[in-house]
Amino acid sequence: MPSLTYSQFITALKVLLPLSALGLLSTLFLVPRDLDLDAAIPFAQIELQKRLKNQQITAPFFSGQTEHGHSLILKAESAQPDLESPEETIVMNLMARINTINGDQYNVTANQGVADKEYQEIVLKGDVVMNTSADYTVKTSSMTFGLAEIRAESGNEIHASGPLGTFKAGRMALRPAKDTDVIYLFFTKGVKLIYLPKETTR
């Protein structure tokens, strides 16, 4: 899968946050060219200085699209560099959305994420929940989410519910099937389903 583009954010970042530690965010979050930077920061001067000192950016936003038409939107409450691991950024209260060319949609929320510049991915932690347009809800405590391609994979056991009932599995993966660009949701490693048939009307 081709990489998404990030270049528009670099210039704005140098103006907003002239801190070298935040250079990592330039590969993760996109700011439109026509954004009014003054209007986009409704902080008093003292508040702005505080955020600069803490090396934190509020309401970061990233969006991109693959050449096959799949799109990814990612936003969070805040983001700041990990002082112990310069290649990583800590993101709080995150929401991600994938829209595929087939019209499928995947919405993911998490308490926290750790974005890695080198691997172009973010590891979601805490209460990770994925809701799909096919009426599936997947819950887990860890999920790796790709930023350079459409992919996601649970780090441990998942619990889910859907049209067929409730089930759990050792692993969940969201990715293209082999030799195709169509995105599929896979459940593997010991899938256990409790089938709940729909009530029929007599």
C-alpha atoms as a PDB file:
ATOM      1  CA  MET A   1       0.000   0.000   0.000  1.00  0.00           C
ATOM      2  CA  PRO A   2       1.382   3.487  -0.791  1.00  0.00           C
ATOM      3  CA  SER A   3       2.348   5.985   1.874  1.00  0.00           C
ATOM      4  CA  LEU A   4       0.084   8.878   2.860  1.00  0.00           C
ATOM      5  CA  THR A   5       1.404  12.441   2.545  1.00  0.00           C
ATOM      6  CA  TYR A   6       2.379  14.651   5.503  1.00  0.00           C
ATOM      7  CA  SER A   7       4.427  17.532   4.009  1.00  0.00           C
ATOM      8  CA  GLN A   8       1.943  20.386   4.510  1.00  0.00           C
ATOM      9  CA  PHE A   9       2.344  20.288   8.303  1.00  0.00           C
ATOM     10  CA  ILE A  10       6.092  20.939   8.388  1.00  0.00           C
ATOM     11  CA  THR A  11       5.966  24.687   7.640  1.00  0.00           C
ATOM     12  CA  ALA A  12       3.116  25.349  10.099  1.00  0.00           C
ATOM     13  CA  LEU A  13       4.894  23.383  12.832  1.00  0.00           C
ATOM     14  CA  LYS A  14       8.031  25.549  12.581  1.00  0.00           C
ATOM     15  CA  VAL A  15       5.867  28.641  13.120  1.00  0.00           C
ATOM     16  CA  LEU A  16       3.662  27.218  15.901  1.00  0.00           C
ATOM     17  CA  LEU A  17       6.054  25.131  17.939  1.00  0.00           C
ATOM     18  CA  PRO A  18       9.739  25.945  17.402  1.00  0.00           C
ATOM     19  CA  LEU A  19      10.803  23.058  19.567  1.00  0.00           C
ATOM     20  CA  SER A  20      12.979  20.350  18.113  1.00  0.00           C
ATOM     21  CA  ALA A  21      11.305  17.641  20.177  1.00  0.00           C
ATOM     22  CA  LEU A  22       8.045  18.219  18.309  1.00  0.00           C
ATOM     23  CA  GLY A  23       9.657  17.541  14.945  1.00  0.00           C
ATOM     24  CA  LEU A  24       8.289  14.019  15.252  1.00  0.00           C
ATOM     25  CA  LEU A  25       4.728  15.299  14.878  1.00  0.00           C
ATOM     26  CA  SER A  26       5.496  16.586  11.384  1.00  0.00           C
ATOM     27  CA  THR A  27       5.219  13.014  10.089  1.00  0.00           C
ATOM     28  CA  LEU A  28       1.936  12.317  11.866  1.00  0.00           C
ATOM     29  CA  PHE A  29      -0.390  15.276  11.691  1.00  0.00           C
ATOM     30  CA  LEU A  30      -1.537  17.284   8.693  1.00  0.00           C
ATOM     31  CA  VAL A  31      -2.589  20.946   8.776  1.00  0.00           C
ATOM     32  CA  PRO A  32      -4.359  22.374   5.664  1.00  0.00           C
ATOM     33  CA  ARG A  33      -2.579  25.151   3.779  1.00  0.00           C
ATOM     34  CA  ASP A  34      -5.500  27.556   4.160  1.00  0.00           C
ATOM     35  CA  LEU A  35      -5.788  27.185   7.948  1.00  0.00           C
ATOM     36  CA  ASP A  36      -5.862  30.494   9.842  1.00  0.00           C
ATOM     37  CA  LEU A  37      -3.295  29.752  12.529  1.00  0.00           C
ATOM     38  CA  ASP A  38      -4.242  32.757  14.675  1.00  0.00           C
ATOM     39  CA  ALA A  39      -7.922  31.819  14.707  1.00  0.00           C
ATOM     40  CA  ALA A  40      -7.116  28.142  15.289  1.00  0.00           C
ATOM     41  CA  ILE A  41      -5.426  28.822  18.660  1.00  0.00           C
ATOM     42  CA  PRO A  42      -7.971  30.404  21.031  1.00  0.00           C
ATOM     43  CA  PHE A  43      -5.528  30.574  23.960  1.00  0.00           C
ATOM     44  CA  ALA A  44      -4.498  33.482  26.104  1.00  0.00           C
ATOM     45  CA  GLN A  45      -0.815  34.337  25.772  1.00  0.00           C
ATOM     46  CA  ILE A  46       0.050  32.815  29.148  1.00  0.00           C
ATOM     47  CA  GLU A  47      -1.735  29.573  28.211  1.00  0.00           C
ATOM     48  CA  LEU A  48       0.139  29.410  24.912  1.00  0.00           C
ATOM     49  CA  GLN A  49       3.458  29.860  26.693  1.00  0.00           C
ATOM     50  CA  LYS A  50       2.545  27.080  29.107  1.00  0.00           C
ATOM     51  CA  ARG A  51       1.785  24.675  26.262  1.00  0.00           C
ATOM     52  CA  LEU A  52       4.996  25.545  24.490  1.00  0.00           C
ATOM     53  CA  LYS A  53       6.919  24.883  27.681  1.00  0.00           C
ATOM     54  CA  ASN A  54       5.223  21.507  28.077  1.00  0.00           C
ATOM     55  CA  GLN A  55       5.904  20.685  24.386  1.00  0.00           C
ATOM     56  CA  GLN A  56       2.240  19.769  23.860  1.00  0.00           C
ATOM     57  CA  ILE A  57      -0.057  20.301  20.918  1.00  0.00           C
ATOM     58  CA  THR A  58      -3.822  20.404  21.422  1.00  0.00           C
ATOM     59  CA  ALA A  59      -6.335  18.697  19.109  1.00  0.00           C
ATOM     60  CA  PRO A  60      -3.816  17.239  16.601  1.00  0.00           C
ATOM     61  CA  PHE A  61      -5.365  16.068  13.340  1.00  0.00           C
ATOM     62  CA  PHE A  62      -4.149  13.814  10.543  1.00  0.00           C
ATOM     63  CA  SER A  63      -5.836  12.714   7.324  1.00  0.00           C
ATOM     64  CA  GLY A  64      -4.687  10.949   4.206  1.00  0.00           C
ATOM     65  CA  GLN A  65      -5.753   8.753   1.319  1.00  0.00           C
ATOM     66  CA  THR A  66      -4.152   5.846  -0.510  1.00  0.00           C
ATOM     67  CA  GLU A  67      -3.984   5.745  -4.296  1.00  0.00           C
ATOM     68  CA  HIS A  68      -6.702   3.085  -4.212  1.00  0.00           C
ATOM     69  CA  GLY A  69      -9.094   5.502  -2.506  1.00  0.00           C
ATOM     70  CA  HIS A  70      -9.119   4.244   1.093  1.00  0.00           C
ATOM     71  CA  SER A  71      -9.016   7.177   3.525  1.00  0.00           C
ATOM     72  CA  LEU A  72      -7.812   7.562   7.100  1.00  0.00           C
ATOM     73  CA  ILE A  73      -8.683  10.289   9.609  1.00  0.00           C
ATOM     74  CA  LEU A  74      -7.051  10.465  13.020  1.00  0.00           C
ATOM     75  CA  LYS A  75      -7.566  13.082  15.728  1.00  0.00           C
ATOM     76  CA  ALA A  76      -6.865  13.327  19.446  1.00  0.00           C
ATOM     77  CA  GLU A  77      -7.287  15.527  22.486  1.00  0.00           C
ATOM     78  CA  SER A  78      -3.562  16.199  22.801  1.00  0.00           C
ATOM     79  CA  ALA A  79      -0.124  14.944  21.773  1.00  0.00           C
ATOM     80  CA  GLN A  80       3.362  15.426  23.150  1.00  0.00           C
ATOM     81  CA  PRO A  81       6.778  13.815  22.619  1.00  0.00           C
ATOM     82  CA  ASP A  82       7.928  11.019  24.897  1.00  0.00           C
ATOM     83  CA  LEU A  83      10.968  12.509  26.652  1.00  0.00           C
ATOM     84  CA  GLU A  84      12.420   9.042  27.248  1.00  0.00           C
ATOM     85  CA  SER A  85      11.929   7.874  23.635  1.00  0.00           C
ATOM     86  CA  PRO A  86      12.471  10.750  21.147  1.00  0.00           C
ATOM     87  CA  GLU A  87      11.118   8.694  18.239  1.00  0.00           C
ATOM     88  CA  GLU A  88       7.729   8.339  19.925  1.00  0.00           C
ATOM     89  CA  THR A  89       4.784  10.655  20.584  1.00  0.00           C
ATOM     90  CA  ILE A  90       2.166  10.131  23.297  1.00  0.00           C
ATOM     91  CA  VAL A  91      -1.394  10.811  22.113  1.00  0.00           C
ATOM     92  CA  MET A  92      -4.364  11.100  24.479  1.00  0.00           C
ATOM     93  CA  ASN A  93      -8.069  10.316  23.887  1.00  0.00           C
ATOM     94  CA  LEU A  94      -7.737   9.290  20.292  1.00  0.00           C
ATOM     95  CA  MET A  95     -10.294   8.684  17.538  1.00  0.00           C
ATOM     96  CA  ALA A  96      -9.528   7.118  14.165  1.00  0.00           C
ATOM     97  CA  ARG A  97     -11.767   6.504  11.165  1.00  0.00           C
ATOM     98  CA  ILE A  98     -11.182   4.392   8.056  1.00  0.00           C
ATOM     99  CA  ASN A  99     -13.410   4.733   4.996  1.00  0.00           C
ATOM    100  CA  THR A 100     -12.854   2.111   2.309  1.00  0.00           C
ATOM    101  CA  ILE A 101     -13.594   2.294  -1.403  1.00  0.00           C
ATOM    102  CA  ASN A 102     -16.362  -0.293  -0.864  1.00  0.00           C
ATOM    103  CA  GLY A 103     -18.216   2.039   1.495  1.00  0.00           C
ATOM    104  CA  ASP A 104     -17.225   0.218   4.688  1.00  0.00           C
ATOM    105  CA  GLN A 105     -16.364   2.342   7.717  1.00  0.00           C
ATOM    106  CA  TYR A 106     -14.324   1.512  10.810  1.00  0.00           C
ATOM    107  CA  ASN A 107     -14.310   3.840  13.836  1.00  0.00           C
ATOM    108  CA  VAL A 108     -11.767   3.294  16.604  1.00  0.00           C
ATOM    109  CA  THR A 109     -11.439   5.033  19.975  1.00  0.00           C
ATOM    110  CA  ALA A 110      -8.768   4.617  22.651  1.00  0.00           C
ATOM    111  CA  ASN A 111      -7.679   6.274  25.892  1.00  0.00           C
ATOM    112  CA  GLN A 112      -4.078   6.597  24.774  1.00  0.00           C
ATOM    113  CA  GLY A 113      -1.766   5.940  21.856  1.00  0.00           C
ATOM    114  CA  VAL A 114       1.988   5.851  21.328  1.00  0.00           C
ATOM    115  CA  ALA A 115       2.964   6.879  17.804  1.00  0.00           C
ATOM    116  CA  ASP A 116       6.256   5.621  16.395  1.00  0.00           C
ATOM    117  CA  LYS A 117       7.993   7.667  13.689  1.00  0.00           C
ATOM    118  CA  GLU A 118      10.231   4.866  12.447  1.00  0.00           C
ATOM    119  CA  TYR A 119       7.512   2.277  11.896  1.00  0.00           C
ATOM    120  CA  GLN A 120       4.761   4.745  10.907  1.00  0.00           C
ATOM    121  CA  GLU A 121       2.248   3.235  13.305  1.00  0.00           C
ATOM    122  CA  ILE A 122       0.469   4.002  16.534  1.00  0.00           C
ATOM    123  CA  VAL A 123      -0.121   1.519  19.350  1.00  0.00           C
ATOM    124  CA  LEU A 124      -3.496   2.149  20.975  1.00  0.00           C
ATOM    125  CA  LYS A 125      -3.863   1.327  24.662  1.00  0.00           C
ATOM    126  CA  GLY A 126      -6.536   1.309  27.334  1.00  0.00           C
ATOM    127  CA  ASP A 127     -10.173   0.796  26.410  1.00  0.00           C
ATOM    128  CA  VAL A 128      -9.795   0.261  22.656  1.00  0.00           C
ATOM    129  CA  VAL A 129     -13.136  -0.013  20.861  1.00  0.00           C
ATOM    130  CA  MET A 130     -13.762  -0.536  17.133  1.00  0.00           C
ATOM    131  CA  ASN A 131     -17.235  -0.048  15.657  1.00  0.00           C
ATOM    132  CA  THR A 132     -17.893  -1.042  12.046  1.00  0.00           C
ATOM    133  CA  SER A 133     -20.584  -0.124   9.536  1.00  0.00           C
ATOM    134  CA  ALA A 134     -21.475  -3.850   9.431  1.00  0.00           C
ATOM    135  CA  ASP A 135     -22.680  -3.553  13.060  1.00  0.00           C
ATOM    136  CA  TYR A 136     -19.697  -5.229  14.700  1.00  0.00           C
ATOM    137  CA  THR A 137     -18.222  -3.892  17.940  1.00  0.00           C
ATOM    138  CA  VAL A 138     -14.757  -5.095  18.912  1.00  0.00           C
ATOM    139  CA  LYS A 139     -13.168  -4.404  22.306  1.00  0.00           C
ATOM    140  CA  THR A 140      -9.573  -5.016  23.348  1.00  0.00           C
ATOM    141  CA  SER A 141      -6.837  -3.448  25.480  1.00  0.00           C
ATOM    142  CA  SER A 142      -4.218  -2.975  22.743  1.00  0.00           C
ATOM    143  CA  MET A 143      -4.269  -2.422  18.991  1.00  0.00           C
ATOM    144  CA  THR A 144      -1.552  -1.475  16.506  1.00  0.00           C
ATOM    145  CA  PHE A 145      -2.825   0.963  13.912  1.00  0.00           C
ATOM    146  CA  GLY A 146      -0.976   1.743  10.661  1.00  0.00           C
ATOM    147  CA  LEU A 147      -0.406   5.356   9.588  1.00  0.00           C
ATOM    148  CA  ALA A 148       1.228   4.681   6.217  1.00  0.00           C
ATOM    149  CA  GLU A 149      -1.255   2.021   5.109  1.00  0.00           C
ATOM    150  CA  ILE A 150      -4.704   0.729   6.020  1.00  0.00           C
ATOM    151  CA  ARG A 151      -4.075  -1.910   8.670  1.00  0.00           C
ATOM    152  CA  ALA A 152      -4.876  -2.658  12.301  1.00  0.00           C
ATOM    153  CA  GLU A 153      -4.155  -5.624  14.556  1.00  0.00           C
ATOM    154  CA  SER A 154      -5.081  -6.402  18.136  1.00  0.00           C
ATOM    155  CA  GLY A 155      -2.251  -6.979  20.570  1.00  0.00           C
ATOM    156  CA  ASN A 156      -4.163  -9.540  22.586  1.00  0.00           C
ATOM    157  CA  GLU A 157      -7.578 -11.187  22.998  1.00  0.00           C
ATOM    158  CA  ILE A 158     -10.663  -9.422  21.664  1.00  0.00           C
ATOM    159  CA  HIS A 159     -14.314  -9.539  22.727  1.00  0.00           C
ATOM    160  CA  ALA A 160     -16.864  -8.662  20.081  1.00  0.00           C
ATOM    161  CA  SER A 161     -20.543  -8.595  19.205  1.00  0.00           C
ATOM    162  CA  GLY A 162     -22.281  -8.508  15.851  1.00  0.00           C
ATOM    163  CA  PRO A 163     -25.205  -9.732  13.767  1.00  0.00           C
ATOM    164  CA  LEU A 164     -24.419 -13.385  14.555  1.00  0.00           C
ATOM    165  CA  GLY A 165     -24.051 -12.963  18.314  1.00  0.00           C
ATOM    166  CA  THR A 166     -21.158 -12.473  20.720  1.00  0.00           C
ATOM    167  CA  PHE A 167     -17.703 -13.989  20.367  1.00  0.00           C
ATOM    168  CA  LYS A 168     -14.091 -13.750  21.404  1.00  0.00           C
ATOM    169  CA  ALA A 169     -10.862 -14.497  19.575  1.00  0.00           C
ATOM    170  CA  GLY A 170      -7.144 -14.472  20.206  1.00  0.00           C
ATOM    171  CA  ARG A 171      -6.485 -11.986  17.412  1.00  0.00           C
ATOM    172  CA  MET A 172      -8.217  -9.453  15.189  1.00  0.00           C
ATOM    173  CA  ALA A 173      -6.710  -8.010  11.993  1.00  0.00           C
ATOM    174  CA  LEU A 174      -7.938  -5.354   9.576  1.00  0.00           C
ATOM    175  CA  ARG A 175      -6.046  -5.409   6.276  1.00  0.00           C
ATOM    176  CA  PRO A 176      -6.340  -6.133   2.539  1.00  0.00           C
ATOM    177  CA  ALA A 177      -6.870  -9.732   1.556  1.00  0.00           C
ATOM    178  CA  LYS A 178      -4.084 -11.385  -0.441  1.00  0.00           C
ATOM    179  CA  ASP A 179      -3.707 -10.059  -4.000  1.00  0.00           C
ATOM    180  CA  THR A 180      -6.527  -7.529  -3.588  1.00  0.00           C
ATOM    181  CA  ASP A 181      -7.044  -3.961  -2.351  1.00  0.00           C
ATOM    182  CA  VAL A 182     -10.345  -4.798  -0.632  1.00  0.00           C
ATOM    183  CA  ILE A 183     -10.138  -4.313   3.163  1.00  0.00           C
ATOM    184  CA  TYR A 184     -11.349  -7.191   5.341  1.00  0.00           C
ATOM    185  CA  LEU A 185     -11.788  -7.741   9.080  1.00  0.00           C
ATOM    186  CA  PHE A 186     -10.315 -11.076  10.220  1.00  0.00           C
ATOM    187  CA  PHE A 187     -10.737 -12.989  13.495  1.00  0.00           C
ATOM    188  CA  THR A 188      -8.336 -15.851  14.224  1.00  0.00           C
ATOM    189  CA  LYS A 189      -6.663 -17.906  16.981  1.00  0.00           C
ATOM    190  CA  GLY A 190      -9.477 -19.710  18.722  1.00  0.00           C
ATOM    191  CA  VAL A 191     -12.693 -17.955  17.709  1.00  0.00           C
ATOM    192  CA  LYS A 192     -15.526 -18.867  20.086  1.00  0.00           C
ATOM    193  CA  LEU A 193     -18.996 -17.752  18.981  1.00  0.00           C
ATOM    194  CA  ILE A 194     -22.217 -17.668  20.980  1.00  0.00           C
ATOM    195  CA  TYR A 195     -24.840 -17.660  18.252  1.00  0.00           C
ATOM    196  CA  LEU A 196     -27.909 -15.508  18.962  1.00  0.00           C
ATOM    197  CA  PRO A 197     -30.537 -16.149  16.266  1.00  0.00           C
ATOM    198  CA  LYS A 198     -32.911 -13.338  15.483  1.00  0.00           C
ATOM    199  CA  GLU A 199     -36.474 -13.749  16.663  1.00  0.00           C
ATOM    200  CA  THR A 200     -38.838 -14.577  13.846  1.00  0.00           C
ATOM    201  CA  THR A 201     -42.267 -13.030  13.552  1.00  0.00           C
ATOM    202  CA  ARG A 202     -45.090 -15.555  13.501  1.00  0.00           C
END
